[in-house]
Amino acid sequence: MAAVLGLIIGVIIGIFVKPDIPIMLQPYLPIMVVAALDALLGAARSYFERSFSDKVFVISFISNVFTATLLVFLGNQLGVGSQLQTAVIVVLGIRIFSNVSAIRRFIFKG
């Protein structure tokens, strides 16, 4: 749970400090945010299912962000970056909505 709290505190600090993002990372930032959101909602789902693990969350968070960014980077190098970016967004979007619906079912018992 400490990792989730650290992530929330980091987001709040980031909103107020407004750090400069290096130009070469700017195309990948939206993908990184969506991948991080997927990992965060997956952690929330596992928390409600009573199977949350800090280690699994940290590894999932890092690997999601790294893999999604790597896929888009490779797509850019191959000249198909927008197609791979769309594919990554669709896959992560499906996972996000799946996690949200599982959380909703747990909260509202239905």
PDB file of N, CA and C in Angstrom:
ATOM      1  N   MET A   1       0.822  -1.195   0.000  1.00  0.00           N
ATOM      2  CA  MET A   1       0.000   0.000   0.000  1.00  0.00           C
ATOM      3  C   MET A   1       0.863   1.256   0.000  1.00  0.00           C
ATOM      4  N   ALA A   2       2.081   1.135   0.510  1.00  0.00           N
ATOM      5  CA  ALA A   2       2.980   2.287   0.535  1.00  0.00           C
ATOM      6  C   ALA A   2       3.311   2.759  -0.874  1.00  0.00           C
ATOM      7  N   ALA A   3       3.417   1.824  -1.819  1.00  0.00           N
ATOM      8  CA  ALA A   3       3.727   2.192  -3.198  1.00  0.00           C
ATOM      9  C   ALA A   3       2.598   3.007  -3.819  1.00  0.00           C
ATOM     10  N   VAL A   4       1.362   2.630  -3.540  1.00  0.00           N
ATOM     11  CA  VAL A   4       0.214   3.361  -4.078  1.00  0.00           C
ATOM     12  C   VAL A   4       0.158   4.758  -3.470  1.00  0.00           C
ATOM     13  N   LEU A   5       0.375   4.860  -2.169  1.00  0.00           N
ATOM     14  CA  LEU A   5       0.387   6.181  -1.528  1.00  0.00           C
ATOM     15  C   LEU A   5       1.518   7.046  -2.076  1.00  0.00           C
ATOM     16  N   GLY A   6       2.684   6.439  -2.288  1.00  0.00           N
ATOM     17  CA  GLY A   6       3.804   7.176  -2.875  1.00  0.00           C
ATOM     18  C   GLY A   6       3.481   7.683  -4.267  1.00  0.00           C
ATOM     19  N   LEU A   7       2.772   6.869  -5.052  1.00  0.00           N
ATOM     20  CA  LEU A   7       2.375   7.275  -6.396  1.00  0.00           C
ATOM     21  C   LEU A   7       1.402   8.450  -6.345  1.00  0.00           C
ATOM     22  N   ILE A   8       0.440   8.380  -5.451  1.00  0.00           N
ATOM     23  CA  ILE A   8      -0.538   9.469  -5.318  1.00  0.00           C
ATOM     24  C   ILE A   8       0.150  10.747  -4.871  1.00  0.00           C
ATOM     25  N   ILE A   9       1.047  10.661  -3.894  1.00  0.00           N
ATOM     26  CA  ILE A   9       1.783  11.841  -3.430  1.00  0.00           C
ATOM     27  C   ILE A   9       2.646  12.398  -4.562  1.00  0.00           C
ATOM     28  N   GLY A  10       3.277  11.525  -5.341  1.00  0.00           N
ATOM     29  CA  GLY A  10       4.092  11.969  -6.470  1.00  0.00           C
ATOM     30  C   GLY A  10       3.277  12.706  -7.519  1.00  0.00           C
ATOM     31  N   VAL A  11       2.062  12.237  -7.789  1.00  0.00           N
ATOM     32  CA  VAL A  11       1.192  12.915  -8.757  1.00  0.00           C
ATOM     33  C   VAL A  11       0.802  14.292  -8.233  1.00  0.00           C
ATOM     34  N   ILE A  12       0.467  14.373  -6.961  1.00  0.00           N
ATOM     35  CA  ILE A  12       0.077  15.669  -6.374  1.00  0.00           C
ATOM     36  C   ILE A  12       1.247  16.648  -6.422  1.00  0.00           C
ATOM     37  N   ILE A  13       2.437  16.185  -6.081  1.00  0.00           N
ATOM     38  CA  ILE A  13       3.618  17.060  -6.144  1.00  0.00           C
ATOM     39  C   ILE A  13       3.877  17.488  -7.581  1.00  0.00           C
ATOM     40  N   GLY A  14       3.737  16.560  -8.526  1.00  0.00           N
ATOM     41  CA  GLY A  14       3.948  16.873  -9.935  1.00  0.00           C
ATOM     42  C   GLY A  14       2.985  17.920 -10.463  1.00  0.00           C
ATOM     43  N   ILE A  15       1.759  17.927  -9.945  1.00  0.00           N
ATOM     44  CA  ILE A  15       0.772  18.921 -10.383  1.00  0.00           C
ATOM     45  C   ILE A  15       1.193  20.321  -9.941  1.00  0.00           C
ATOM     46  N   PHE A  16       1.723  20.440  -8.742  1.00  0.00           N
ATOM     47  CA  PHE A  16       2.080  21.759  -8.229  1.00  0.00           C
ATOM     48  C   PHE A  16       3.456  22.223  -8.689  1.00  0.00           C
ATOM     49  N   VAL A  17       4.404  21.319  -8.848  1.00  0.00           N
ATOM     50  CA  VAL A  17       5.768  21.705  -9.233  1.00  0.00           C
ATOM     51  C   VAL A  17       5.871  21.942 -10.736  1.00  0.00           C
ATOM     52  N   LYS A  18       5.100  21.218 -11.540  1.00  0.00           N
ATOM     53  CA  LYS A  18       5.098  21.302 -13.000  1.00  0.00           C
ATOM     54  C   LYS A  18       6.508  21.153 -13.573  1.00  0.00           C
ATOM     55  N   PRO A  19       7.049  19.942 -13.487  1.00  0.00           N
ATOM     56  CA  PRO A  19       8.416  19.726 -13.989  1.00  0.00           C
ATOM     57  C   PRO A  19       8.479  19.809 -15.515  1.00  0.00           C
ATOM     58  N   ASP A  20       9.663  20.156 -16.031  1.00  0.00           N
ATOM     59  CA  ASP A  20       9.874  20.187 -17.476  1.00  0.00           C
ATOM     60  C   ASP A  20      10.154  18.775 -17.966  1.00  0.00           C
ATOM     61  N   ILE A  21       9.455  18.388 -19.019  1.00  0.00           N
ATOM     62  CA  ILE A  21       9.642  17.068 -19.613  1.00  0.00           C
ATOM     63  C   ILE A  21      10.626  17.221 -20.767  1.00  0.00           C
ATOM     64  N   PRO A  22      11.678  16.406 -20.813  1.00  0.00           N
ATOM     65  CA  PRO A  22      12.608  16.483 -21.940  1.00  0.00           C
ATOM     66  C   PRO A  22      11.874  16.272 -23.270  1.00  0.00           C
ATOM     67  N   ILE A  23      12.296  16.985 -24.292  1.00  0.00           N
ATOM     68  CA  ILE A  23      11.612  16.958 -25.586  1.00  0.00           C
ATOM     69  C   ILE A  23      11.554  15.552 -26.164  1.00  0.00           C
ATOM     70  N   MET A  24      12.612  14.760 -25.983  1.00  0.00           N
ATOM     71  CA  MET A  24      12.584  13.431 -26.588  1.00  0.00           C
ATOM     72  C   MET A  24      11.654  12.457 -25.861  1.00  0.00           C
ATOM     73  N   LEU A  25      11.212  12.782 -24.646  1.00  0.00           N
ATOM     74  CA  LEU A  25      10.259  11.938 -23.927  1.00  0.00           C
ATOM     75  C   LEU A  25       8.806  12.365 -24.134  1.00  0.00           C
ATOM     76  N   GLN A  26       8.583  13.579 -24.637  1.00  0.00           N
ATOM     77  CA  GLN A  26       7.226  14.098 -24.761  1.00  0.00           C
ATOM     78  C   GLN A  26       6.293  13.245 -25.619  1.00  0.00           C
ATOM     79  N   PRO A  27       6.753  12.649 -26.732  1.00  0.00           N
ATOM     80  CA  PRO A  27       5.817  11.806 -27.504  1.00  0.00           C
ATOM     81  C   PRO A  27       5.381  10.541 -26.757  1.00  0.00           C
ATOM     82  N   TYR A  28       6.169  10.119 -25.792  1.00  0.00           N
ATOM     83  CA  TYR A  28       5.888   8.869 -25.087  1.00  0.00           C
ATOM     84  C   TYR A  28       5.144   9.079 -23.774  1.00  0.00           C
ATOM     85  N   LEU A  29       5.030  10.301 -23.328  1.00  0.00           N
ATOM     86  CA  LEU A  29       4.394  10.587 -22.038  1.00  0.00           C
ATOM     87  C   LEU A  29       2.942  10.119 -21.960  1.00  0.00           C
ATOM     88  N   PRO A  30       2.112  10.352 -22.985  1.00  0.00           N
ATOM     89  CA  PRO A  30       0.730   9.852 -22.878  1.00  0.00           C
ATOM     90  C   PRO A  30       0.660   8.335 -22.715  1.00  0.00           C
ATOM     91  N   ILE A  31       1.519   7.610 -23.419  1.00  0.00           N
ATOM     92  CA  ILE A  31       1.548   6.150 -23.298  1.00  0.00           C
ATOM     93  C   ILE A  31       1.982   5.754 -21.894  1.00  0.00           C
ATOM     94  N   MET A  32       2.983   6.455 -21.361  1.00  0.00           N
ATOM     95  CA  MET A  32       3.457   6.152 -20.010  1.00  0.00           C
ATOM     96  C   MET A  32       2.349   6.375 -18.983  1.00  0.00           C
ATOM     97  N   VAL A  33       1.575   7.429 -19.151  1.00  0.00           N
ATOM     98  CA  VAL A  33       0.499   7.737 -18.208  1.00  0.00           C
ATOM     99  C   VAL A  33      -0.590   6.671 -18.279  1.00  0.00           C
ATOM    100  N   VAL A  34      -0.968   6.264 -19.487  1.00  0.00           N
ATOM    101  CA  VAL A  34      -2.009   5.240 -19.630  1.00  0.00           C
ATOM    102  C   VAL A  34      -1.533   3.907 -19.054  1.00  0.00           C
ATOM    103  N   ALA A  35      -0.273   3.548 -19.296  1.00  0.00           N
ATOM    104  CA  ALA A  35       0.274   2.301 -18.743  1.00  0.00           C
ATOM    105  C   ALA A  35       0.325   2.360 -17.217  1.00  0.00           C
ATOM    106  N   ALA A  36       0.692   3.514 -16.676  1.00  0.00           N
ATOM    107  CA  ALA A  36       0.722   3.673 -15.221  1.00  0.00           C
ATOM    108  C   ALA A  36      -0.688   3.591 -14.633  1.00  0.00           C
ATOM    109  N   LEU A  37      -1.648   4.181 -15.322  1.00  0.00           N
ATOM    110  CA  LEU A  37      -3.036   4.117 -14.866  1.00  0.00           C
ATOM    111  C   LEU A  37      -3.543   2.680 -14.875  1.00  0.00           C
ATOM    112  N   ASP A  38      -3.149   1.922 -15.885  1.00  0.00           N
ATOM    113  CA  ASP A  38      -3.528   0.506 -15.943  1.00  0.00           C
ATOM    114  C   ASP A  38      -2.967  -0.242 -14.736  1.00  0.00           C
ATOM    115  N   ALA A  39      -1.705  -0.018 -14.419  1.00  0.00           N
ATOM    116  CA  ALA A  39      -1.090  -0.691 -13.271  1.00  0.00           C
ATOM    117  C   ALA A  39      -1.758  -0.262 -11.962  1.00  0.00           C
ATOM    118  N   LEU A  40      -2.085   1.006 -11.840  1.00  0.00           N
ATOM    119  CA  LEU A  40      -2.721   1.514 -10.620  1.00  0.00           C
ATOM    120  C   LEU A  40      -4.111   0.915 -10.429  1.00  0.00           C
ATOM    121  N   LEU A  41      -4.891   0.843 -11.501  1.00  0.00           N
ATOM    122  CA  LEU A  41      -6.225   0.257 -11.384  1.00  0.00           C
ATOM    123  C   LEU A  41      -6.158  -1.253 -11.174  1.00  0.00           C
ATOM    124  N   GLY A  42      -5.143  -1.892 -11.744  1.00  0.00           N
ATOM    125  CA  GLY A  42      -4.934  -3.317 -11.476  1.00  0.00           C
ATOM    126  C   GLY A  42      -4.613  -3.558 -10.005  1.00  0.00           C
ATOM    127  N   ALA A  43      -3.836  -2.653  -9.424  1.00  0.00           N
ATOM    128  CA  ALA A  43      -3.525  -2.750  -7.994  1.00  0.00           C
ATOM    129  C   ALA A  43      -4.775  -2.547  -7.149  1.00  0.00           C
ATOM    130  N   ALA A  44      -5.610  -1.587  -7.543  1.00  0.00           N
ATOM    131  CA  ALA A  44      -6.853  -1.353  -6.799  1.00  0.00           C
ATOM    132  C   ALA A  44      -7.761  -2.574  -6.875  1.00  0.00           C
ATOM    133  N   ARG A  45      -7.835  -3.175  -8.065  1.00  0.00           N
ATOM    134  CA  ARG A  45      -8.658  -4.380  -8.218  1.00  0.00           C
ATOM    135  C   ARG A  45      -8.142  -5.515  -7.331  1.00  0.00           C
ATOM    136  N   SER A  46      -6.835  -5.723  -7.340  1.00  0.00           N
ATOM    137  CA  SER A  46      -6.288  -6.813  -6.521  1.00  0.00           C
ATOM    138  C   SER A  46      -6.438  -6.504  -5.032  1.00  0.00           C
ATOM    139  N   TYR A  47      -6.422  -5.232  -4.663  1.00  0.00           N
ATOM    140  CA  TYR A  47      -6.659  -4.865  -3.267  1.00  0.00           C
ATOM    141  C   TYR A  47      -8.073  -5.275  -2.841  1.00  0.00           C
ATOM    142  N   PHE A  48      -9.054  -4.978  -3.697  1.00  0.00           N
ATOM    143  CA  PHE A  48     -10.427  -5.347  -3.378  1.00  0.00           C
ATOM    144  C   PHE A  48     -10.626  -6.862  -3.384  1.00  0.00           C
ATOM    145  N   GLU A  49      -9.841  -7.568  -4.196  1.00  0.00           N
ATOM    146  CA  GLU A  49      -9.926  -9.030  -4.247  1.00  0.00           C
ATOM    147  C   GLU A  49      -9.072  -9.687  -3.165  1.00  0.00           C
ATOM    148  N   ARG A  50      -8.453  -8.890  -2.323  1.00  0.00           N
ATOM    149  CA  ARG A  50      -7.615  -9.353  -1.211  1.00  0.00           C
ATOM    150  C   ARG A  50      -6.380 -10.137  -1.677  1.00  0.00           C
ATOM    151  N   SER A  51      -5.837  -9.752  -2.820  1.00  0.00           N
ATOM    152  CA  SER A  51      -4.636 -10.423  -3.317  1.00  0.00           C
ATOM    153  C   SER A  51      -3.539  -9.422  -3.675  1.00  0.00           C
ATOM    154  N   PHE A  52      -3.580  -8.221  -3.075  1.00  0.00           N
ATOM    155  CA  PHE A  52      -2.608  -7.168  -3.390  1.00  0.00           C
ATOM    156  C   PHE A  52      -1.233  -7.520  -2.835  1.00  0.00           C
ATOM    157  N   SER A  53      -0.211  -7.235  -3.643  1.00  0.00           N
ATOM    158  CA  SER A  53       1.176  -7.409  -3.225  1.00  0.00           C
ATOM    159  C   SER A  53       1.969  -6.192  -3.692  1.00  0.00           C
ATOM    160  N   ASP A  54       2.704  -5.573  -2.767  1.00  0.00           N
ATOM    161  CA  ASP A  54       3.503  -4.399  -3.121  1.00  0.00           C
ATOM    162  C   ASP A  54       4.518  -4.733  -4.209  1.00  0.00           C
ATOM    163  N   LYS A  55       5.175  -5.869  -4.082  1.00  0.00           N
ATOM    164  CA  LYS A  55       6.201  -6.255  -5.055  1.00  0.00           C
ATOM    165  C   LYS A  55       5.605  -6.433  -6.440  1.00  0.00           C
ATOM    166  N   VAL A  56       4.466  -7.093  -6.508  1.00  0.00           N
ATOM    167  CA  VAL A  56       3.813  -7.305  -7.804  1.00  0.00           C
ATOM    168  C   VAL A  56       3.396  -5.965  -8.394  1.00  0.00           C
ATOM    169  N   PHE A  57       2.901  -5.053  -7.553  1.00  0.00           N
ATOM    170  CA  PHE A  57       2.485  -3.742  -8.055  1.00  0.00           C
ATOM    171  C   PHE A  57       3.669  -2.977  -8.641  1.00  0.00           C
ATOM    172  N   VAL A  58       4.769  -2.931  -7.931  1.00  0.00           N
ATOM    173  CA  VAL A  58       5.938  -2.181  -8.411  1.00  0.00           C
ATOM    174  C   VAL A  58       6.463  -2.787  -9.706  1.00  0.00           C
ATOM    175  N   ILE A  59       6.561  -4.104  -9.760  1.00  0.00           N
ATOM    176  CA  ILE A  59       7.045  -4.760 -10.976  1.00  0.00           C
ATOM    177  C   ILE A  59       6.066  -4.540 -12.127  1.00  0.00           C
ATOM    178  N   SER A  60       4.779  -4.637 -11.859  1.00  0.00           N
ATOM    179  CA  SER A  60       3.764  -4.403 -12.886  1.00  0.00           C
ATOM    180  C   SER A  60       3.814  -2.968 -13.392  1.00  0.00           C
ATOM    181  N   PHE A  61       3.948  -2.025 -12.472  1.00  0.00           N
ATOM    182  CA  PHE A  61       4.003  -0.609 -12.845  1.00  0.00           C
ATOM    183  C   PHE A  61       5.186  -0.344 -13.771  1.00  0.00           C
ATOM    184  N   ILE A  62       6.359  -0.766 -13.358  1.00  0.00           N
ATOM    185  CA  ILE A  62       7.575  -0.509 -14.142  1.00  0.00           C
ATOM    186  C   ILE A  62       7.528  -1.239 -15.477  1.00  0.00           C
ATOM    187  N   SER A  63       7.120  -2.510 -15.454  1.00  0.00           N
ATOM    188  CA  SER A  63       7.115  -3.273 -16.705  1.00  0.00           C
ATOM    189  C   SER A  63       6.047  -2.770 -17.670  1.00  0.00           C
ATOM    190  N   ASN A  64       4.882  -2.350 -17.174  1.00  0.00           N
ATOM    191  CA  ASN A  64       3.848  -1.786 -18.049  1.00  0.00           C
ATOM    192  C   ASN A  64       4.352  -0.525 -18.739  1.00  0.00           C
ATOM    193  N   VAL A  65       4.910   0.375 -17.962  1.00  0.00           N
ATOM    194  CA  VAL A  65       5.387   1.638 -18.526  1.00  0.00           C
ATOM    195  C   VAL A  65       6.526   1.387 -19.514  1.00  0.00           C
ATOM    196  N   PHE A  66       7.472   0.540 -19.128  1.00  0.00           N
ATOM    197  CA  PHE A  66       8.623   0.269 -19.991  1.00  0.00           C
ATOM    198  C   PHE A  66       8.197  -0.426 -21.284  1.00  0.00           C
ATOM    199  N   THR A  67       7.352  -1.441 -21.183  1.00  0.00           N
ATOM    200  CA  THR A  67       6.938  -2.192 -22.365  1.00  0.00           C
ATOM    201  C   THR A  67       6.121  -1.334 -23.325  1.00  0.00           C
ATOM    202  N   ALA A  68       5.175  -0.574 -22.802  1.00  0.00           N
ATOM    203  CA  ALA A  68       4.361   0.283 -23.670  1.00  0.00           C
ATOM    204  C   ALA A  68       5.224   1.329 -24.371  1.00  0.00           C
ATOM    205  N   THR A  69       6.150   1.930 -23.626  1.00  0.00           N
ATOM    206  CA  THR A  69       7.037   2.932 -24.217  1.00  0.00           C
ATOM    207  C   THR A  69       7.956   2.303 -25.256  1.00  0.00           C
ATOM    208  N   LEU A  70       8.477   1.138 -24.964  1.00  0.00           N
ATOM    209  CA  LEU A  70       9.356   0.443 -25.904  1.00  0.00           C
ATOM    210  C   LEU A  70       8.619   0.092 -27.195  1.00  0.00           C
ATOM    211  N   LEU A  71       7.375  -0.367 -27.080  1.00  0.00           N
ATOM    212  CA  LEU A  71       6.600  -0.685 -28.281  1.00  0.00           C
ATOM    213  C   LEU A  71       6.399   0.542 -29.162  1.00  0.00           C
ATOM    214  N   VAL A  72       6.048   1.659 -28.549  1.00  0.00           N
ATOM    215  CA  VAL A  72       5.839   2.882 -29.329  1.00  0.00           C
ATOM    216  C   VAL A  72       7.159   3.383 -29.897  1.00  0.00           C
ATOM    217  N   PHE A  73       8.248   3.285 -29.137  1.00  0.00           N
ATOM    218  CA  PHE A  73       9.562   3.686 -29.638  1.00  0.00           C
ATOM    219  C   PHE A  73       9.954   2.853 -30.854  1.00  0.00           C
ATOM    220  N   LEU A  74       9.780   1.529 -30.754  1.00  0.00           N
ATOM    221  CA  LEU A  74      10.099   0.660 -31.886  1.00  0.00           C
ATOM    222  C   LEU A  74       9.211   0.973 -33.085  1.00  0.00           C
ATOM    223  N   GLY A  75       7.956   1.261 -32.831  1.00  0.00           N
ATOM    224  CA  GLY A  75       7.052   1.654 -33.916  1.00  0.00           C
ATOM    225  C   GLY A  75       7.508   2.921 -34.595  1.00  0.00           C
ATOM    226  N   ASN A  76       7.973   3.882 -33.811  1.00  0.00           N
ATOM    227  CA  ASN A  76       8.497   5.124 -34.400  1.00  0.00           C
ATOM    228  C   ASN A  76       9.732   4.853 -35.239  1.00  0.00           C
ATOM    229  N   GLN A  77      10.599   3.963 -34.788  1.00  0.00           N
ATOM    230  CA  GLN A  77      11.802   3.634 -35.537  1.00  0.00           C
ATOM    231  C   GLN A  77      11.462   2.914 -36.847  1.00  0.00           C
ATOM    232  N   LEU A  78      10.393   2.139 -36.833  1.00  0.00           N
ATOM    233  CA  LEU A  78       9.979   1.404 -38.034  1.00  0.00           C
ATOM    234  C   LEU A  78       9.057   2.216 -38.944  1.00  0.00           C
ATOM    235  N   GLY A  79       8.647   3.382 -38.483  1.00  0.00           N
ATOM    236  CA  GLY A  79       7.772   4.234 -39.285  1.00  0.00           C
ATOM    237  C   GLY A  79       6.292   3.932 -39.116  1.00  0.00           C
ATOM    238  N   VAL A  80       5.946   3.140 -38.128  1.00  0.00           N
ATOM    239  CA  VAL A  80       4.542   2.810 -37.865  1.00  0.00           C
ATOM    240  C   VAL A  80       4.168   3.179 -36.425  1.00  0.00           C
ATOM    241  N   GLY A  81       4.743   4.255 -35.939  1.00  0.00           N
ATOM    242  CA  GLY A  81       4.553   4.646 -34.537  1.00  0.00           C
ATOM    243  C   GLY A  81       3.119   4.929 -34.177  1.00  0.00           C
ATOM    244  N   SER A  82       2.378   5.602 -35.073  1.00  0.00           N
ATOM    245  CA  SER A  82       1.000   5.943 -34.719  1.00  0.00           C
ATOM    246  C   SER A  82       0.122   4.695 -34.641  1.00  0.00           C
ATOM    247  N   GLN A  83       0.385   3.706 -35.507  1.00  0.00           N
ATOM    248  CA  GLN A  83      -0.399   2.472 -35.460  1.00  0.00           C
ATOM    249  C   GLN A  83      -0.110   1.696 -34.176  1.00  0.00           C
ATOM    250  N   LEU A  84       1.160   1.586 -33.804  1.00  0.00           N
ATOM    251  CA  LEU A  84       1.489   0.875 -32.565  1.00  0.00           C
ATOM    252  C   LEU A  84       1.009   1.646 -31.343  1.00  0.00           C
ATOM    253  N   GLN A  85       1.057   2.966 -31.405  1.00  0.00           N
ATOM    254  CA  GLN A  85       0.567   3.770 -30.291  1.00  0.00           C
ATOM    255  C   GLN A  85      -0.934   3.532 -30.117  1.00  0.00           C
ATOM    256  N   THR A  86      -1.663   3.482 -31.231  1.00  0.00           N
ATOM    257  CA  THR A  86      -3.099   3.208 -31.161  1.00  0.00           C
ATOM    258  C   THR A  86      -3.356   1.817 -30.600  1.00  0.00           C
ATOM    259  N   ALA A  87      -2.574   0.835 -31.031  1.00  0.00           N
ATOM    260  CA  ALA A  87      -2.751  -0.537 -30.535  1.00  0.00           C
ATOM    261  C   ALA A  87      -2.498  -0.610 -29.035  1.00  0.00           C
ATOM    262  N   VAL A  88      -1.452   0.052 -28.567  1.00  0.00           N
ATOM    263  CA  VAL A  88      -1.135   0.043 -27.128  1.00  0.00           C
ATOM    264  C   VAL A  88      -2.254   0.719 -26.344  1.00  0.00           C
ATOM    265  N   ILE A  89      -2.744   1.840 -26.834  1.00  0.00           N
ATOM    266  CA  ILE A  89      -3.831   2.550 -26.152  1.00  0.00           C
ATOM    267  C   ILE A  89      -5.088   1.689 -26.095  1.00  0.00           C
ATOM    268  N   VAL A  90      -5.405   0.983 -27.194  1.00  0.00           N
ATOM    269  CA  VAL A  90      -6.601   0.134 -27.217  1.00  0.00           C
ATOM    270  C   VAL A  90      -6.465  -1.006 -26.213  1.00  0.00           C
ATOM    271  N   VAL A  91      -5.328  -1.687 -26.220  1.00  0.00           N
ATOM    272  CA  VAL A  91      -5.134  -2.821 -25.301  1.00  0.00           C
ATOM    273  C   VAL A  91      -5.175  -2.353 -23.849  1.00  0.00           C
ATOM    274  N   LEU A  92      -4.450  -1.285 -23.542  1.00  0.00           N
ATOM    275  CA  LEU A  92      -4.453  -0.788 -22.164  1.00  0.00           C
ATOM    276  C   LEU A  92      -5.828  -0.233 -21.783  1.00  0.00           C
ATOM    277  N   GLY A  93      -6.518   0.376 -22.742  1.00  0.00           N
ATOM    278  CA  GLY A  93      -7.869   0.880 -22.481  1.00  0.00           C
ATOM    279  C   GLY A  93      -8.826  -0.236 -22.125  1.00  0.00           C
ATOM    280  N   ILE A  94      -8.735  -1.362 -22.842  1.00  0.00           N
ATOM    281  CA  ILE A  94      -9.580  -2.519 -22.522  1.00  0.00           C
ATOM    282  C   ILE A  94      -9.287  -3.012 -21.117  1.00  0.00           C
ATOM    283  N   ARG A  95      -7.998  -3.089 -20.760  1.00  0.00           N
ATOM    284  CA  ARG A  95      -7.627  -3.536 -19.417  1.00  0.00           C
ATOM    285  C   ARG A  95      -8.119  -2.556 -18.347  1.00  0.00           C
ATOM    286  N   ILE A  96      -8.014  -1.265 -18.634  1.00  0.00           N
ATOM    287  CA  ILE A  96      -8.468  -0.249 -17.678  1.00  0.00           C
ATOM    288  C   ILE A  96      -9.972  -0.395 -17.438  1.00  0.00           C
ATOM    289  N   PHE A  97     -10.751  -0.501 -18.517  1.00  0.00           N
ATOM    290  CA  PHE A  97     -12.197  -0.633 -18.354  1.00  0.00           C
ATOM    291  C   PHE A  97     -12.570  -1.945 -17.669  1.00  0.00           C
ATOM    292  N   SER A  98     -11.829  -3.002 -17.928  1.00  0.00           N
ATOM    293  CA  SER A  98     -12.067  -4.277 -17.251  1.00  0.00           C
ATOM    294  C   SER A  98     -11.823  -4.146 -15.749  1.00  0.00           C
ATOM    295  N   ASN A  99     -10.721  -3.492 -15.382  1.00  0.00           N
ATOM    296  CA  ASN A  99     -10.421  -3.294 -13.962  1.00  0.00           C
ATOM    297  C   ASN A  99     -11.453  -2.391 -13.294  1.00  0.00           C
ATOM    298  N   VAL A 100     -11.859  -1.328 -13.982  1.00  0.00           N
ATOM    299  CA  VAL A 100     -12.857  -0.416 -13.415  1.00  0.00           C
ATOM    300  C   VAL A 100     -14.182  -1.139 -13.206  1.00  0.00           C
ATOM    301  N   SER A 101     -14.584  -1.977 -14.174  1.00  0.00           N
ATOM    302  CA  SER A 101     -15.852  -2.685 -14.006  1.00  0.00           C
ATOM    303  C   SER A 101     -15.763  -3.700 -12.861  1.00  0.00           C
ATOM    304  N   ALA A 102     -14.610  -4.350 -12.680  1.00  0.00           N
ATOM    305  CA  ALA A 102     -14.452  -5.277 -11.555  1.00  0.00           C
ATOM    306  C   ALA A 102     -14.507  -4.531 -10.224  1.00  0.00           C
ATOM    307  N   ILE A 103     -13.881  -3.356 -10.173  1.00  0.00           N
ATOM    308  CA  ILE A 103     -13.922  -2.538  -8.952  1.00  0.00           C
ATOM    309  C   ILE A 103     -15.348  -2.094  -8.677  1.00  0.00           C
ATOM    310  N   ARG A 104     -16.046  -1.670  -9.715  1.00  0.00           N
ATOM    311  CA  ARG A 104     -17.450  -1.246  -9.570  1.00  0.00           C
ATOM    312  C   ARG A 104     -18.315  -2.386  -9.052  1.00  0.00           C
ATOM    313  N   ARG A 105     -18.130  -3.583  -9.625  1.00  0.00           N
ATOM    314  CA  ARG A 105     -18.919  -4.734  -9.163  1.00  0.00           C
ATOM    315  C   ARG A 105     -18.637  -5.032  -7.688  1.00  0.00           C
ATOM    316  N   PHE A 106     -17.373  -4.864  -7.285  1.00  0.00           N
ATOM    317  CA  PHE A 106     -17.053  -5.125  -5.880  1.00  0.00           C
ATOM    318  C   PHE A 106     -17.693  -4.086  -4.966  1.00  0.00           C
ATOM    319  N   ILE A 107     -17.590  -2.826  -5.357  1.00  0.00           N
ATOM    320  CA  ILE A 107     -18.120  -1.744  -4.507  1.00  0.00           C
ATOM    321  C   ILE A 107     -19.643  -1.795  -4.413  1.00  0.00           C
ATOM    322  N   PHE A 108     -20.310  -1.989  -5.562  1.00  0.00           N
ATOM    323  CA  PHE A 108     -21.761  -1.946  -5.579  1.00  0.00           C
ATOM    324  C   PHE A 108     -22.410  -3.327  -5.508  1.00  0.00           C
ATOM    325  N   LYS A 109     -21.591  -4.362  -5.340  1.00  0.00           N
ATOM    326  CA  LYS A 109     -22.082  -5.735  -5.186  1.00  0.00           C
ATOM    327  C   LYS A 109     -23.003  -6.161  -6.329  1.00  0.00           C
ATOM    328  N   GLY A 110     -22.637  -5.761  -7.544  1.00  0.00           N
ATOM    329  CA  GLY A 110     -23.529  -6.177  -8.632  1.00  0.00           C
ATOM    330  C   GLY A 110     -22.931  -6.184  -9.942  1.00  0.00           C
TER     331      GLY A 110
END
